[in-house]
Structures are given as structure tokens and as C-alpha cells.
N, C-alpha and C. Protein backbone atom coordinates (compact mmCIF):
# COMPACT_ATOMS: atom_id res chain seq x y z
N MET A 1 32.72 189.52 4.37
CA MET A 1 33.76 189.34 3.30
C MET A 1 34.94 190.13 3.36
N LYS A 2 36.20 189.43 3.84
CA LYS A 2 37.23 190.51 3.73
C LYS A 2 37.51 191.11 2.66
N GLN A 3 38.16 192.38 2.57
CA GLN A 3 38.50 192.95 1.46
C GLN A 3 39.37 192.09 0.45
N THR A 4 40.20 191.19 1.26
CA THR A 4 40.84 190.67 0.33
C THR A 4 40.29 189.20 -0.71
N SER A 5 39.03 188.72 -0.20
CA SER A 5 38.39 187.77 -0.70
C SER A 5 37.64 188.94 -2.10
N ILE A 6 37.23 190.02 -1.92
CA ILE A 6 36.68 190.82 -2.55
C ILE A 6 37.19 191.11 -3.74
N ASP A 7 38.70 191.13 -3.63
CA ASP A 7 39.64 191.77 -4.41
C ASP A 7 39.80 190.67 -5.14
N ALA A 8 39.97 189.57 -4.81
CA ALA A 8 40.43 188.51 -5.62
C ALA A 8 39.33 187.71 -6.25
N ARG A 9 38.23 187.91 -5.79
CA ARG A 9 37.14 187.36 -6.95
C ARG A 9 36.93 188.32 -7.61
N ALA A 10 37.06 189.44 -7.73
CA ALA A 10 36.95 190.78 -8.63
C ALA A 10 38.18 190.31 -9.81
N LYS A 11 39.10 190.03 -9.43
CA LYS A 11 40.56 189.57 -10.38
C LYS A 11 39.89 188.48 -11.34
N ILE A 12 39.63 187.19 -10.72
CA ILE A 12 39.22 186.19 -11.61
C ILE A 12 37.87 186.13 -11.92
N GLU A 13 37.00 186.94 -11.67
CA GLU A 13 35.40 186.83 -12.09
C GLU A 13 35.41 186.85 -13.61
N PRO A 14 36.34 187.83 -14.33
CA PRO A 14 36.33 187.47 -15.95
C PRO A 14 36.66 186.07 -16.58
N LYS A 15 37.34 185.52 -15.77
CA LYS A 15 37.80 183.95 -16.02
C LYS A 15 36.88 183.01 -15.13
N ILE A 16 35.97 183.18 -14.80
CA ILE A 16 35.47 181.79 -14.23
C ILE A 16 35.07 181.16 -15.06
N GLY A 17 33.97 181.97 -15.99
CA GLY A 17 33.47 181.16 -17.20
C GLY A 17 34.13 180.15 -17.79
N THR A 18 35.09 180.57 -18.27
CA THR A 18 36.13 179.86 -19.25
C THR A 18 36.79 178.69 -18.14
N LEU A 19 37.10 179.12 -17.26
CA LEU A 19 37.92 178.03 -16.18
C LEU A 19 37.04 176.90 -15.72
N ARG A 20 35.74 177.36 -15.51
CA ARG A 20 34.93 176.30 -15.19
C ARG A 20 34.40 175.39 -16.42
N ARG A 21 34.48 176.22 -17.57
CA ARG A 21 34.02 175.08 -18.67
C ARG A 21 35.11 174.00 -18.80
N LYS A 22 36.28 174.50 -18.56
CA LYS A 22 37.61 173.51 -18.90
C LYS A 22 37.76 172.51 -18.06
N VAL A 23 37.26 172.82 -16.70
CA VAL A 23 37.29 171.97 -15.90
C VAL A 23 36.18 170.95 -16.01
N PHE A 24 35.04 171.28 -16.51
CA PHE A 24 33.74 170.23 -16.64
C PHE A 24 34.37 169.60 -18.02
N GLU A 25 34.61 170.25 -19.07
CA GLU A 25 34.93 169.54 -20.43
C GLU A 25 36.11 168.47 -19.92
N LEU A 26 36.97 168.35 -18.72
CA LEU A 26 38.12 167.84 -18.39
C LEU A 26 37.63 166.40 -17.58
N PHE A 27 36.16 166.78 -17.03
CA PHE A 27 35.45 165.68 -16.68
C PHE A 27 34.88 165.05 -17.64
N ILE A 28 33.90 165.66 -18.58
CA ILE A 28 33.58 164.70 -19.43
C ILE A 28 34.86 163.65 -20.41
N ASN A 29 35.98 164.25 -20.45
CA ASN A 29 36.81 163.41 -21.19
C ASN A 29 37.22 162.44 -20.35
N ARG A 30 37.30 162.78 -19.22
CA ARG A 30 37.74 161.65 -18.23
C ARG A 30 36.59 160.15 -17.74
N GLY A 31 35.55 160.73 -18.25
CA GLY A 31 34.33 159.86 -17.99
C GLY A 31 34.30 159.31 -17.03
N LEU A 32 33.80 157.85 -16.64
CA LEU A 32 33.74 157.01 -15.47
C LEU A 32 35.31 157.30 -14.32
N THR A 33 36.25 157.42 -15.45
CA THR A 33 37.76 157.24 -14.45
C THR A 33 37.67 158.22 -13.49
N GLY A 34 36.93 159.50 -13.57
CA GLY A 34 37.17 160.80 -12.79
C GLY A 34 38.33 161.27 -12.44
N LEU A 35 38.17 162.21 -11.58
CA LEU A 35 39.59 162.94 -11.19
C LEU A 35 39.33 163.57 -9.89
N THR A 36 40.61 163.57 -9.22
CA THR A 36 40.86 164.08 -7.98
C THR A 36 41.05 165.68 -8.18
N ASP A 37 41.00 166.50 -7.19
CA ASP A 37 41.22 167.99 -7.24
C ASP A 37 42.66 168.04 -7.81
N GLN A 38 43.44 167.10 -7.35
CA GLN A 38 45.41 167.41 -7.64
C GLN A 38 45.31 167.05 -9.20
N GLU A 39 44.47 165.82 -9.67
CA GLU A 39 44.74 165.69 -11.22
C GLU A 39 43.93 166.81 -11.87
N ILE A 40 43.07 167.70 -11.35
CA ILE A 40 42.72 168.62 -11.85
C ILE A 40 43.76 169.61 -12.15
N GLU A 41 44.71 170.02 -10.80
CA GLU A 41 45.26 170.70 -11.12
C GLU A 41 46.76 170.43 -11.85
N LYS A 42 47.06 169.43 -12.01
CA LYS A 42 48.18 168.88 -13.05
C LYS A 42 47.65 169.25 -14.16
N TYR A 43 46.39 168.26 -14.47
CA TYR A 43 46.16 168.31 -16.23
C TYR A 43 45.59 169.87 -16.84
N LEU A 44 45.28 170.81 -15.83
CA LEU A 44 44.93 172.27 -16.47
C LEU A 44 45.81 173.28 -15.83
N HIS A 45 47.17 172.44 -15.21
CA HIS A 45 48.16 173.47 -14.80
C HIS A 45 47.40 174.98 -13.84
N LEU A 46 46.48 174.37 -13.15
CA LEU A 46 46.32 175.60 -11.88
C LEU A 46 46.34 175.05 -10.74
N ASP A 47 46.30 176.32 -9.95
CA ASP A 47 46.52 176.00 -8.46
C ASP A 47 45.03 175.67 -7.83
N GLY A 48 45.41 174.92 -6.91
CA GLY A 48 44.48 174.24 -5.95
C GLY A 48 43.47 175.07 -5.38
N ASN A 49 43.63 176.42 -4.86
CA ASN A 49 43.25 177.51 -4.96
C ASN A 49 42.06 178.00 -5.29
N THR A 50 42.17 177.60 -6.91
CA THR A 50 41.51 177.80 -8.13
C THR A 50 40.27 176.71 -8.42
N VAL A 51 41.23 175.61 -8.22
CA VAL A 51 40.28 174.28 -8.98
C VAL A 51 39.27 173.88 -7.54
N ARG A 52 39.72 173.97 -6.36
CA ARG A 52 38.67 173.57 -5.66
C ARG A 52 37.24 174.17 -5.61
N PRO A 53 37.44 175.76 -5.58
CA PRO A 53 35.89 176.66 -5.70
C PRO A 53 35.40 176.11 -7.13
N ILE A 54 35.85 175.91 -8.04
CA ILE A 54 35.21 175.74 -9.46
C ILE A 54 35.00 174.39 -9.34
N ARG A 55 35.29 173.55 -8.69
CA ARG A 55 34.80 171.85 -8.89
C ARG A 55 33.83 172.10 -7.84
N GLY A 56 34.16 172.59 -6.77
CA GLY A 56 32.91 172.88 -5.70
C GLY A 56 31.44 173.34 -6.38
N SER A 57 31.64 174.63 -6.97
CA SER A 57 30.60 174.78 -7.70
C SER A 57 29.56 174.07 -8.72
N LEU A 58 30.65 173.34 -9.51
CA LEU A 58 30.21 172.13 -10.35
C LEU A 58 29.44 171.13 -9.65
N VAL A 59 29.86 170.88 -8.29
CA VAL A 59 29.13 169.92 -7.46
C VAL A 59 27.92 170.22 -7.12
N THR A 60 28.00 171.43 -6.56
CA THR A 60 26.84 172.53 -6.20
C THR A 60 25.32 172.42 -7.30
N ASP A 61 26.12 172.85 -8.67
CA ASP A 61 25.16 172.78 -9.50
C ASP A 61 24.78 171.42 -10.12
N GLY A 62 25.07 170.35 -9.72
CA GLY A 62 24.89 169.29 -10.02
C GLY A 62 25.78 168.78 -11.37
N PHE A 63 26.28 169.26 -11.83
CA PHE A 63 27.35 168.85 -12.95
C PHE A 63 28.46 167.73 -12.52
N VAL A 64 28.77 167.60 -11.23
CA VAL A 64 29.73 166.60 -10.90
C VAL A 64 29.55 166.12 -9.62
N ILE A 65 30.07 164.73 -9.46
CA ILE A 65 29.26 164.12 -8.25
C ILE A 65 30.61 163.48 -7.87
N ASP A 66 30.46 162.83 -6.20
CA ASP A 66 31.57 162.07 -5.98
C ASP A 66 31.06 160.86 -6.27
N SER A 67 32.14 159.98 -6.86
CA SER A 67 32.20 158.85 -7.34
C SER A 67 32.10 157.70 -6.58
N GLY A 68 32.25 157.92 -5.31
CA GLY A 68 32.38 156.71 -4.19
C GLY A 68 33.72 156.12 -4.40
N THR A 69 34.74 156.68 -4.81
CA THR A 69 35.92 155.93 -4.91
C THR A 69 36.92 157.10 -4.49
N THR A 70 38.19 156.58 -4.13
CA THR A 70 39.41 157.16 -3.72
C THR A 70 40.51 156.97 -4.41
N ARG A 71 41.19 157.93 -4.60
CA ARG A 71 42.80 157.71 -5.38
C ARG A 71 43.89 158.07 -4.37
N PRO A 72 44.93 157.33 -4.37
CA PRO A 72 45.77 158.63 -3.51
C PRO A 72 46.65 159.56 -4.42
N ASN A 73 47.04 160.51 -3.83
CA ASN A 73 47.67 161.68 -4.59
C ASN A 73 49.19 161.33 -4.60
N GLU A 74 50.16 162.19 -4.80
CA GLU A 74 51.24 162.25 -5.28
C GLU A 74 51.79 161.85 -3.43
N LYS A 75 51.71 162.30 -2.14
CA LYS A 75 51.66 162.07 -1.01
C LYS A 75 51.76 160.82 -0.62
N GLY A 76 50.35 159.86 -1.32
CA GLY A 76 50.03 158.79 -1.02
C GLY A 76 48.58 158.90 -0.16
N ASN A 77 48.23 160.12 0.12
CA ASN A 77 46.70 160.41 0.81
C ASN A 77 45.49 160.16 0.11
N GLN A 78 44.51 159.34 0.30
CA GLN A 78 43.62 159.20 -0.32
C GLN A 78 42.64 160.51 -0.37
N CYS A 79 42.21 160.70 -1.96
CA CYS A 79 41.59 161.62 -2.13
C CYS A 79 40.16 161.28 -2.95
N ILE A 80 38.87 162.15 -2.98
CA ILE A 80 37.92 161.76 -3.52
C ILE A 80 38.29 162.10 -4.96
N VAL A 81 37.56 160.77 -5.86
CA VAL A 81 37.54 161.20 -6.95
C VAL A 81 36.15 161.49 -7.54
N TRP A 82 36.18 162.68 -8.38
CA TRP A 82 34.71 163.08 -8.87
C TRP A 82 34.66 162.88 -10.14
N ARG A 83 33.40 162.61 -10.57
CA ARG A 83 32.97 162.38 -12.16
C ARG A 83 31.77 163.50 -12.25
N TYR A 84 31.63 163.45 -13.73
CA TYR A 84 30.24 164.07 -14.06
C TYR A 84 29.15 163.21 -13.83
N ALA A 85 28.53 163.91 -13.56
CA ALA A 85 26.72 163.65 -13.18
C ALA A 85 26.33 163.44 -14.74
N GLU A 86 26.01 162.10 -15.34
CA GLU A 86 25.56 161.67 -16.57
C GLU A 86 24.07 162.77 -16.37
N ASN A 87 23.73 162.84 -15.40
CA ASN A 87 22.03 163.79 -15.79
C ASN A 87 22.28 164.94 -15.50
N GLY A 88 23.32 165.41 -15.12
CA GLY A 88 23.64 167.11 -15.23
C GLY A 88 23.16 167.72 -16.47
N MET A 89 23.20 169.03 -16.38
CA MET A 89 22.71 170.10 -17.23
C MET A 89 23.88 170.22 -17.95
N MET A 90 23.97 170.86 -19.09
CA MET A 90 24.83 171.36 -20.06
C MET A 90 25.47 172.52 -19.25
N LEU A 91 26.83 172.98 -19.70
CA LEU A 91 26.88 174.32 -19.23
C LEU A 91 26.39 175.27 -20.26
């Protein structure tokens, strides 16, 4: 792992639990409508480089799943719509 990655992780580590919970709660609030990564960025005022790893960890842990649908982003590109896994464990 590069030193810059280690430094970045050390800087954000204390915030991971809180940010992860905020992202998960946003998924719960959106229900089956779900969210794209860009929508998460917009609602929580977070950078994509913060959102994607958090959402990815929620997917890996079974809390969030690919809804099987896409939505266009602001540039018109189709993006995966993610939603909470109804059978996922609570954080």
C-alpha cells in the first residue's frame, strides 16, 4: 500500500463509522427508490472518493445491493441504482 493511501486512511479512520452510518441511513430513508453514488454525494455533501468506498463496503457486508436498475446522472450517463438489502443486518 502506498504511503499516501496509508496517510489518507489514517486521516479518515475516526470518521468511517459515522459516515458509513449516514450513508446507510440515507439508503433506509430512500427505500426501494435507492440511490446512485452521485446522489449520495449530493445529499450528504461528500466527495465521490469518500462515497464509493463506503458504499462498496456496505455492498461487501450485505447491507446494500444493486437494485438491477440504472438512472442517468447529471451528464446523462447511466449509473447503477443501489438500495438497502431488506435482509441485511443492522449496523
